[in-house]
């Protein structure tokens, strides 16, 4: 008859380190390898992802469709022009002028585009906005010769 029972904790030491007494370590569940398990329901690797990327890793970010293009024109408000520049001639040829804010000084502004309210406010102050004209290239209508009707002689 056995008088000394071996404790369970000593059995859990196991032969290989980290096996918890079950033998092979490869059978343990890792939650996937690499970036697997980091998706929408990323419970097993959520702490790792938040540590590496912060909270911006989860959820949708930005526009996902390729077809929509962003409007990348530079914009500036009339009130900002009043604050940044002295009265006189201002060259903002890559900007669209918007009408937010007040303008008191006389400005002559060269711009790519301008809103109606911005033009009115600058004219009221005694200045003007010179808008750059964009030439539209007209492409000739090309008719497929297969579908063109033949003229009768």
N, C-alpha and C. Protein backbone atom coordinates (compact mmCIF):
# COMPACT_ATOMS: atom_id res chain seq x y z
N UNK A 1 0.84 -1.18 0.00
CA UNK A 1 0.00 0.00 0.00
C UNK A 1 0.88 1.24 0.00
N UNK A 2 0.45 2.23 -0.85
CA UNK A 2 1.22 3.46 -1.00
C UNK A 2 0.93 4.39 0.17
N UNK A 3 1.96 4.95 0.75
CA UNK A 3 1.76 5.85 1.89
C UNK A 3 1.88 7.33 1.51
N UNK A 4 2.59 7.60 0.43
CA UNK A 4 2.78 9.01 0.04
C UNK A 4 2.21 9.24 -1.36
N UNK A 5 1.19 10.07 -1.44
CA UNK A 5 0.58 10.38 -2.74
C UNK A 5 1.30 11.58 -3.37
N UNK A 6 1.63 11.44 -4.65
CA UNK A 6 2.31 12.53 -5.36
C UNK A 6 1.31 13.65 -5.65
N UNK A 7 1.72 14.86 -5.37
CA UNK A 7 0.83 16.01 -5.58
C UNK A 7 0.56 16.25 -7.07
N UNK A 8 -0.61 16.80 -7.37
CA UNK A 8 -0.98 17.05 -8.76
C UNK A 8 -0.09 18.14 -9.37
N UNK A 9 0.29 19.13 -8.58
CA UNK A 9 1.11 20.23 -9.11
C UNK A 9 2.45 19.73 -9.61
N UNK A 10 3.00 18.72 -8.98
CA UNK A 10 4.28 18.18 -9.44
C UNK A 10 4.09 17.41 -10.74
N UNK A 11 2.92 16.81 -10.93
CA UNK A 11 2.63 16.11 -12.17
C UNK A 11 2.44 17.09 -13.32
N UNK A 12 1.95 18.28 -13.01
CA UNK A 12 1.71 19.28 -14.05
C UNK A 12 2.99 19.91 -14.56
N UNK A 13 4.12 19.66 -13.87
CA UNK A 13 5.37 20.21 -14.37
C UNK A 13 5.70 19.64 -15.73
N UNK A 14 5.46 18.37 -15.88
CA UNK A 14 5.66 17.71 -17.16
C UNK A 14 7.12 17.61 -17.56
N UNK A 15 7.38 16.85 -18.61
CA UNK A 15 8.76 16.68 -19.06
C UNK A 15 9.19 17.87 -19.90
N UNK A 16 8.34 18.28 -20.86
CA UNK A 16 8.66 19.46 -21.67
C UNK A 16 8.10 20.70 -21.00
N UNK A 17 8.83 21.79 -21.06
CA UNK A 17 8.36 23.00 -20.38
C UNK A 17 7.12 23.55 -21.07
N UNK A 18 6.15 23.97 -20.31
CA UNK A 18 4.95 24.58 -20.87
C UNK A 18 3.92 23.61 -21.36
N UNK A 19 4.07 22.32 -21.07
CA UNK A 19 3.10 21.35 -21.57
C UNK A 19 2.01 21.06 -20.57
N UNK A 20 2.13 21.55 -19.35
CA UNK A 20 1.14 21.34 -18.28
C UNK A 20 0.89 19.86 -18.03
N UNK A 21 1.88 19.03 -18.24
CA UNK A 21 1.75 17.61 -17.95
C UNK A 21 1.00 16.83 -19.00
N UNK A 22 0.63 17.48 -20.14
CA UNK A 22 -0.16 16.78 -21.14
C UNK A 22 0.70 16.22 -22.25
N UNK A 23 2.00 16.43 -22.20
CA UNK A 23 2.86 15.88 -23.23
C UNK A 23 3.21 16.92 -24.27
N UNK A 24 2.78 16.69 -25.52
CA UNK A 24 3.17 17.56 -26.63
C UNK A 24 2.58 18.95 -26.48
N UNK A 25 3.41 19.95 -26.75
CA UNK A 25 2.94 21.34 -26.63
C UNK A 25 2.16 21.77 -27.85
N UNK A 26 2.35 21.10 -28.97
CA UNK A 26 1.72 21.54 -30.21
C UNK A 26 0.20 21.38 -30.21
N UNK A 27 -0.35 20.62 -29.31
CA UNK A 27 -1.78 20.39 -29.30
C UNK A 27 -2.54 21.50 -28.58
N UNK A 28 -1.82 22.37 -27.92
CA UNK A 28 -2.47 23.45 -27.18
C UNK A 28 -3.04 24.48 -28.15
N UNK A 29 -4.14 25.09 -27.80
CA UNK A 29 -4.79 26.07 -28.67
C UNK A 29 -4.11 27.43 -28.54
N UNK A 30 -3.59 27.93 -29.65
CA UNK A 30 -2.90 29.23 -29.65
C UNK A 30 -3.83 30.37 -30.05
N UNK A 31 -4.99 30.04 -30.57
CA UNK A 31 -5.84 31.07 -31.14
C UNK A 31 -5.40 31.42 -32.55
N UNK A 32 -4.70 30.53 -33.20
CA UNK A 32 -4.20 30.77 -34.54
C UNK A 32 -2.80 31.34 -34.50
N UNK A 33 -2.13 31.33 -35.65
CA UNK A 33 -0.78 31.86 -35.71
C UNK A 33 -0.77 33.15 -36.52
N UNK A 34 0.14 34.01 -36.21
CA UNK A 34 0.26 35.27 -36.94
C UNK A 34 -0.88 36.20 -36.64
N UNK A 35 -1.49 36.75 -37.69
CA UNK A 35 -2.56 37.73 -37.53
C UNK A 35 -3.94 37.08 -37.52
N UNK A 36 -4.00 35.74 -37.54
CA UNK A 36 -5.30 35.09 -37.53
C UNK A 36 -5.97 35.29 -36.18
N UNK A 37 -7.28 35.38 -36.20
CA UNK A 37 -8.02 35.60 -34.97
C UNK A 37 -8.04 37.06 -34.55
N UNK A 38 -7.69 37.97 -35.47
CA UNK A 38 -7.66 39.39 -35.11
C UNK A 38 -8.78 40.16 -35.80
N UNK A 39 -9.76 39.45 -36.30
CA UNK A 39 -10.80 40.09 -37.10
C UNK A 39 -11.89 40.73 -36.28
N UNK A 40 -13.11 40.64 -36.80
CA UNK A 40 -14.26 41.32 -36.22
C UNK A 40 -14.52 40.89 -34.77
N UNK A 41 -14.49 39.60 -34.53
CA UNK A 41 -14.74 39.08 -33.17
C UNK A 41 -13.41 38.62 -32.56
N UNK A 42 -12.46 39.51 -32.46
CA UNK A 42 -11.10 39.15 -32.07
C UNK A 42 -10.95 39.10 -30.57
N UNK A 43 -11.57 38.10 -29.95
CA UNK A 43 -11.49 38.02 -28.50
C UNK A 43 -10.15 37.46 -28.03
N UNK A 44 -9.63 36.47 -28.77
CA UNK A 44 -8.42 35.83 -28.27
C UNK A 44 -7.17 36.68 -28.45
N UNK A 45 -7.18 37.63 -29.39
CA UNK A 45 -5.99 38.44 -29.62
C UNK A 45 -6.26 39.93 -29.52
N UNK A 46 -7.34 40.30 -28.87
CA UNK A 46 -7.72 41.71 -28.79
C UNK A 46 -6.68 42.53 -28.04
N UNK A 47 -6.17 42.01 -26.95
CA UNK A 47 -5.20 42.78 -26.18
C UNK A 47 -3.91 43.01 -26.95
N UNK A 48 -3.49 42.01 -27.72
CA UNK A 48 -2.28 42.14 -28.53
C UNK A 48 -2.47 43.22 -29.60
N UNK A 49 -3.62 43.20 -30.28
CA UNK A 49 -3.87 44.16 -31.35
C UNK A 49 -4.00 45.59 -30.82
N UNK A 50 -4.65 45.74 -29.67
CA UNK A 50 -4.76 47.10 -29.11
C UNK A 50 -3.41 47.61 -28.64
N UNK A 51 -2.55 46.70 -28.18
CA UNK A 51 -1.21 47.11 -27.75
C UNK A 51 -0.37 47.54 -28.96
N UNK A 52 -0.48 46.80 -30.06
CA UNK A 52 0.32 47.10 -31.25
C UNK A 52 -0.21 48.30 -32.03
N UNK A 53 -1.54 48.35 -32.28
CA UNK A 53 -2.12 49.34 -33.17
C UNK A 53 -3.03 50.34 -32.49
N UNK A 54 -3.34 50.16 -31.23
CA UNK A 54 -4.31 51.03 -30.57
C UNK A 54 -5.71 50.62 -30.95
N UNK A 55 -6.68 51.48 -30.68
CA UNK A 55 -8.08 51.14 -30.96
C UNK A 55 -8.46 51.34 -32.41
N UNK A 56 -7.54 51.85 -33.23
CA UNK A 56 -7.87 52.10 -34.64
C UNK A 56 -7.83 50.83 -35.48
N UNK A 57 -7.40 49.71 -34.93
CA UNK A 57 -7.32 48.47 -35.70
C UNK A 57 -8.71 47.91 -35.99
N UNK A 58 -9.63 48.02 -35.05
CA UNK A 58 -10.95 47.42 -35.20
C UNK A 58 -11.92 48.40 -35.84
N UNK A 59 -12.91 47.86 -36.56
CA UNK A 59 -13.95 48.67 -37.16
C UNK A 59 -13.59 49.14 -38.55
N UNK A 60 -14.53 49.83 -39.18
CA UNK A 60 -14.34 50.32 -40.53
C UNK A 60 -13.64 51.67 -40.49
N UNK A 61 -12.77 51.89 -41.46
CA UNK A 61 -12.10 53.19 -41.56
C UNK A 61 -12.22 53.69 -42.99
N UNK A 62 -12.73 54.89 -43.15
CA UNK A 62 -12.70 55.58 -44.43
C UNK A 62 -13.63 55.01 -45.48
N UNK A 63 -13.41 55.47 -46.70
CA UNK A 63 -14.22 55.05 -47.83
C UNK A 63 -13.65 53.74 -48.35
N UNK A 64 -14.52 52.77 -48.55
CA UNK A 64 -14.06 51.45 -48.95
C UNK A 64 -14.20 51.21 -50.44
N UNK A 65 -15.07 51.95 -51.12
CA UNK A 65 -15.27 51.68 -52.54
C UNK A 65 -14.19 52.40 -53.35
N UNK A 66 -13.71 51.74 -54.37
CA UNK A 66 -12.65 52.31 -55.20
C UNK A 66 -13.18 53.36 -56.15
N UNK A 67 -14.46 53.27 -56.49
CA UNK A 67 -15.01 54.16 -57.51
C UNK A 67 -15.13 55.61 -57.09
N UNK A 68 -15.34 55.86 -55.81
CA UNK A 68 -15.52 57.24 -55.37
C UNK A 68 -14.17 57.90 -55.17
N UNK A 69 -14.00 59.08 -55.75
CA UNK A 69 -12.75 59.83 -55.61
C UNK A 69 -13.00 61.01 -54.70
N UNK A 70 -12.03 61.29 -53.85
CA UNK A 70 -12.15 62.41 -52.93
C UNK A 70 -11.90 63.73 -53.64
N UNK A 71 -12.54 64.75 -53.13
CA UNK A 71 -12.33 66.09 -53.64
C UNK A 71 -11.10 66.65 -52.95
N UNK A 72 -10.01 66.77 -53.67
CA UNK A 72 -8.74 67.15 -53.06
C UNK A 72 -8.37 68.62 -53.31
N UNK A 73 -9.35 69.43 -53.72
CA UNK A 73 -9.05 70.84 -53.96
C UNK A 73 -8.72 71.55 -52.65
N UNK A 74 -7.81 72.51 -52.72
CA UNK A 74 -7.50 73.34 -51.56
C UNK A 74 -8.61 74.36 -51.39
N UNK A 75 -8.99 74.63 -50.15
CA UNK A 75 -10.05 75.60 -49.89
C UNK A 75 -9.59 76.59 -48.83
N UNK A 76 -10.07 77.82 -48.94
CA UNK A 76 -9.79 78.82 -47.92
C UNK A 76 -11.00 79.74 -47.81
N UNK A 77 -11.32 80.15 -46.59
CA UNK A 77 -12.45 81.02 -46.36
C UNK A 77 -12.02 82.48 -46.46
N UNK A 78 -13.00 83.33 -46.74
CA UNK A 78 -12.75 84.77 -46.86
C UNK A 78 -12.23 85.34 -45.54
N UNK A 79 -12.77 84.87 -44.43
CA UNK A 79 -12.33 85.33 -43.12
C UNK A 79 -10.87 84.98 -42.84
N UNK A 80 -10.42 83.81 -43.33
CA UNK A 80 -9.03 83.41 -43.16
C UNK A 80 -8.10 84.27 -44.01
N UNK A 81 -8.54 84.66 -45.18
CA UNK A 81 -7.74 85.56 -46.03
C UNK A 81 -7.55 86.89 -45.32
N UNK A 82 -8.62 87.39 -44.70
CA UNK A 82 -8.55 88.66 -43.95
C UNK A 82 -7.53 88.56 -42.81
N UNK A 83 -7.48 87.42 -42.13
CA UNK A 83 -6.57 87.25 -41.00
C UNK A 83 -5.13 87.01 -41.42
N UNK A 84 -4.90 86.26 -42.51
CA UNK A 84 -3.55 85.86 -42.90
C UNK A 84 -2.81 86.89 -43.75
N UNK A 85 -3.54 87.58 -44.62
CA UNK A 85 -2.88 88.45 -45.59
C UNK A 85 -3.23 89.91 -45.35
N UNK A 86 -2.31 90.78 -45.80
CA UNK A 86 -2.59 92.22 -45.78
C UNK A 86 -3.35 92.56 -47.04
N UNK A 87 -4.01 93.71 -47.03
CA UNK A 87 -4.81 94.08 -48.20
C UNK A 87 -3.90 94.28 -49.40
N UNK A 88 -4.43 94.03 -50.56
CA UNK A 88 -3.67 94.13 -51.80
C UNK A 88 -3.95 92.93 -52.67
N UNK A 89 -2.94 92.57 -53.48
CA UNK A 89 -3.11 91.47 -54.41
C UNK A 89 -2.62 90.16 -53.78
N UNK A 90 -3.46 89.14 -53.82
CA UNK A 90 -3.15 87.84 -53.23
C UNK A 90 -3.29 86.77 -54.30
N UNK A 91 -2.24 85.94 -54.46
CA UNK A 91 -2.27 84.88 -55.45
C UNK A 91 -2.60 83.55 -54.77
N UNK A 92 -3.83 83.10 -54.93
CA UNK A 92 -4.29 81.80 -54.42
C UNK A 92 -4.80 80.98 -55.60
N UNK A 93 -3.92 80.78 -56.59
CA UNK A 93 -4.35 80.19 -57.85
C UNK A 93 -4.69 78.70 -57.74
N UNK A 94 -4.34 78.05 -56.65
CA UNK A 94 -4.69 76.64 -56.49
C UNK A 94 -5.83 76.44 -55.49
N UNK A 95 -6.46 77.52 -55.05
CA UNK A 95 -7.47 77.46 -54.00
C UNK A 95 -8.86 77.78 -54.53
N UNK A 96 -9.86 77.22 -53.83
CA UNK A 96 -11.24 77.63 -54.03
C UNK A 96 -11.57 78.54 -52.85
N UNK A 97 -12.13 79.72 -53.14
CA UNK A 97 -12.44 80.69 -52.10
C UNK A 97 -13.88 80.46 -51.65
N UNK A 98 -14.05 80.28 -50.34
CA UNK A 98 -15.37 80.06 -49.76
C UNK A 98 -15.78 81.29 -48.95
N UNK A 99 -17.07 81.44 -48.70
CA UNK A 99 -17.60 82.69 -48.14
C UNK A 99 -17.77 82.76 -46.64
N UNK A 100 -17.16 81.91 -45.86
CA UNK A 100 -17.33 81.95 -44.42
C UNK A 100 -16.44 83.05 -43.82
N UNK A 101 -17.00 83.83 -42.93
CA UNK A 101 -16.22 84.89 -42.27
C UNK A 101 -16.51 86.25 -42.87
N UNK A 102 -15.87 87.26 -42.31
CA UNK A 102 -16.06 88.63 -42.76
C UNK A 102 -14.77 89.16 -43.37
N UNK A 103 -14.91 90.07 -44.33
CA UNK A 103 -13.76 90.70 -44.95
C UNK A 103 -13.99 92.21 -44.97
N UNK A 104 -12.98 92.98 -44.53
CA UNK A 104 -13.11 94.43 -44.43
C UNK A 104 -12.19 95.17 -45.39
N UNK A 105 -11.00 94.58 -45.66
CA UNK A 105 -10.01 95.24 -46.51
C UNK A 105 -10.26 94.93 -47.97
N UNK A 106 -9.65 95.77 -48.82
CA UNK A 106 -9.80 95.61 -50.26
C UNK A 106 -8.76 94.60 -50.74
N UNK A 107 -9.22 93.50 -51.34
CA UNK A 107 -8.33 92.46 -51.85
C UNK A 107 -8.59 92.23 -53.33
N UNK A 108 -7.52 91.95 -54.06
CA UNK A 108 -7.64 91.45 -55.43
C UNK A 108 -7.06 90.03 -55.37
N UNK A 109 -7.94 89.05 -55.50
CA UNK A 109 -7.57 87.65 -55.27
C UNK A 109 -7.62 86.89 -56.58
N UNK A 110 -6.52 86.21 -56.90
CA UNK A 110 -6.51 85.30 -58.04
C UNK A 110 -6.76 83.90 -57.49
N UNK A 111 -7.79 83.23 -58.01
CA UNK A 111 -8.18 81.93 -57.46
C UNK A 111 -8.58 80.97 -58.57
N UNK A 112 -8.58 79.70 -58.22
CA UNK A 112 -9.02 78.66 -59.16
C UNK A 112 -10.53 78.69 -59.31
N UNK A 113 -11.23 78.79 -58.17
CA UNK A 113 -12.69 78.85 -58.13
C UNK A 113 -13.11 79.73 -56.97
N UNK A 114 -14.37 80.12 -56.96
CA UNK A 114 -14.90 80.90 -55.84
C UNK A 114 -16.41 80.68 -55.74
N UNK A 115 -16.91 80.70 -54.51
CA UNK A 115 -18.35 80.56 -54.31
C UNK A 115 -19.02 81.92 -54.51
N UNK A 116 -20.33 81.91 -54.72
CA UNK A 116 -21.08 83.15 -54.96
C UNK A 116 -21.00 84.08 -53.76
N UNK A 117 -21.13 83.50 -52.56
CA UNK A 117 -21.10 84.33 -51.36
C UNK A 117 -19.73 84.97 -51.15
N UNK A 118 -18.66 84.26 -51.52
CA UNK A 118 -17.31 84.83 -51.39
C UNK A 118 -17.12 85.99 -52.35
N UNK A 119 -17.60 85.85 -53.58
CA UNK A 119 -17.49 86.93 -54.57
C UNK A 119 -18.26 88.16 -54.11
N UNK A 120 -19.46 87.94 -53.57
CA UNK A 120 -20.27 89.07 -53.08
C UNK A 120 -19.59 89.80 -51.93
N UNK A 121 -19.01 89.06 -50.98
CA UNK A 121 -18.38 89.68 -49.83
C UNK A 121 -17.14 90.49 -50.22
N UNK A 122 -16.35 89.95 -51.15
CA UNK A 122 -15.14 90.66 -51.58
C UNK A 122 -15.52 91.91 -52.37
N UNK A 123 -16.54 91.83 -53.22
CA UNK A 123 -17.00 93.01 -53.99
C UNK A 123 -17.57 94.08 -53.07
N UNK A 124 -18.26 93.66 -52.03
CA UNK A 124 -18.84 94.59 -51.07
C UNK A 124 -17.74 95.36 -50.33
N UNK A 125 -16.59 94.70 -50.10
CA UNK A 125 -15.46 95.35 -49.42
C UNK A 125 -14.64 96.21 -50.38
N UNK A 126 -14.95 96.16 -51.68
CA UNK A 126 -14.25 96.99 -52.66
C UNK A 126 -13.20 96.24 -53.46
N UNK A 127 -13.11 94.94 -53.33
CA UNK A 127 -12.11 94.17 -54.06
C UNK A 127 -12.75 93.33 -55.14
N UNK A 128 -11.98 92.39 -55.65
CA UNK A 128 -12.52 91.48 -56.67
C UNK A 128 -11.79 90.14 -56.62
N UNK A 129 -12.46 89.11 -57.15
CA UNK A 129 -11.86 87.78 -57.26
C UNK A 129 -11.74 87.46 -58.74
N UNK A 130 -10.51 87.19 -59.18
CA UNK A 130 -10.27 86.82 -60.57
C UNK A 130 -10.20 85.29 -60.61
N UNK A 131 -11.20 84.70 -61.27
CA UNK A 131 -11.30 83.23 -61.32
C UNK A 131 -10.62 82.73 -62.58
N UNK A 132 -9.79 81.72 -62.41
CA UNK A 132 -9.07 81.11 -63.53
C UNK A 132 -10.05 80.30 -64.35
N UNK A 133 -10.03 80.51 -65.66
CA UNK A 133 -10.94 79.77 -66.53
C UNK A 133 -10.30 78.46 -66.93
N UNK A 134 -11.08 77.40 -66.80
CA UNK A 134 -10.62 76.07 -67.19
C UNK A 134 -11.22 75.76 -68.55
N UNK A 135 -10.34 75.52 -69.51
CA UNK A 135 -10.81 75.22 -70.86
C UNK A 135 -11.24 73.77 -70.95
N UNK A 136 -12.41 73.56 -71.50
CA UNK A 136 -12.90 72.20 -71.69
C UNK A 136 -12.56 71.75 -73.10
N UNK A 137 -11.94 70.61 -73.20
CA UNK A 137 -11.57 70.08 -74.50
C UNK A 137 -12.72 69.22 -74.99
N UNK A 138 -13.25 69.59 -76.15
CA UNK A 138 -14.36 68.83 -76.70
C UNK A 138 -13.81 67.71 -77.57
N UNK A 139 -14.21 66.51 -77.28
CA UNK A 139 -13.78 65.36 -78.08
C UNK A 139 -14.82 65.13 -79.17
N UNK A 140 -14.35 64.92 -80.38
CA UNK A 140 -15.31 64.68 -81.47
C UNK A 140 -16.01 63.33 -81.28
N UNK A 141 -17.25 63.29 -81.69
CA UNK A 141 -18.03 62.06 -81.57
C UNK A 141 -17.56 61.08 -82.63
N UNK A 142 -17.07 59.94 -82.21
CA UNK A 142 -16.57 58.93 -83.14
C UNK A 142 -17.68 57.89 -83.34
N UNK A 143 -18.03 57.70 -84.57
CA UNK A 143 -19.09 56.75 -84.90
C UNK A 143 -18.43 55.47 -85.40
N UNK A 144 -18.89 54.37 -84.89
CA UNK A 144 -18.38 53.07 -85.31
C UNK A 144 -18.82 52.84 -86.76
N UNK A 145 -17.89 52.54 -87.67
CA UNK A 145 -18.26 52.38 -89.08
C UNK A 145 -19.23 51.23 -89.33
N UNK A 146 -19.29 50.28 -88.46
CA UNK A 146 -20.23 49.15 -88.64
C UNK A 146 -21.67 49.61 -88.49
N UNK A 147 -21.86 50.57 -87.57
CA UNK A 147 -23.21 51.02 -87.26
C UNK A 147 -23.61 52.25 -88.05
N UNK A 148 -22.69 52.86 -88.76
CA UNK A 148 -23.01 54.07 -89.54
C UNK A 148 -23.89 53.68 -90.73
N UNK A 149 -24.87 54.52 -91.01
CA UNK A 149 -25.76 54.25 -92.14
C UNK A 149 -25.08 54.65 -93.43
N UNK A 150 -25.24 53.82 -94.42
CA UNK A 150 -24.64 54.12 -95.72
C UNK A 150 -25.56 55.05 -96.49
N UNK A 151 -24.92 56.05 -97.09
CA UNK A 151 -25.70 57.02 -97.87
C UNK A 151 -26.05 56.41 -99.22
N UNK A 152 -27.24 56.72 -99.67
CA UNK A 152 -27.68 56.24 -100.99
C UNK A 152 -27.24 57.24 -102.05
N UNK A 153 -26.80 56.72 -103.20
CA UNK A 153 -26.37 57.59 -104.30
C UNK A 153 -27.48 57.90 -105.23
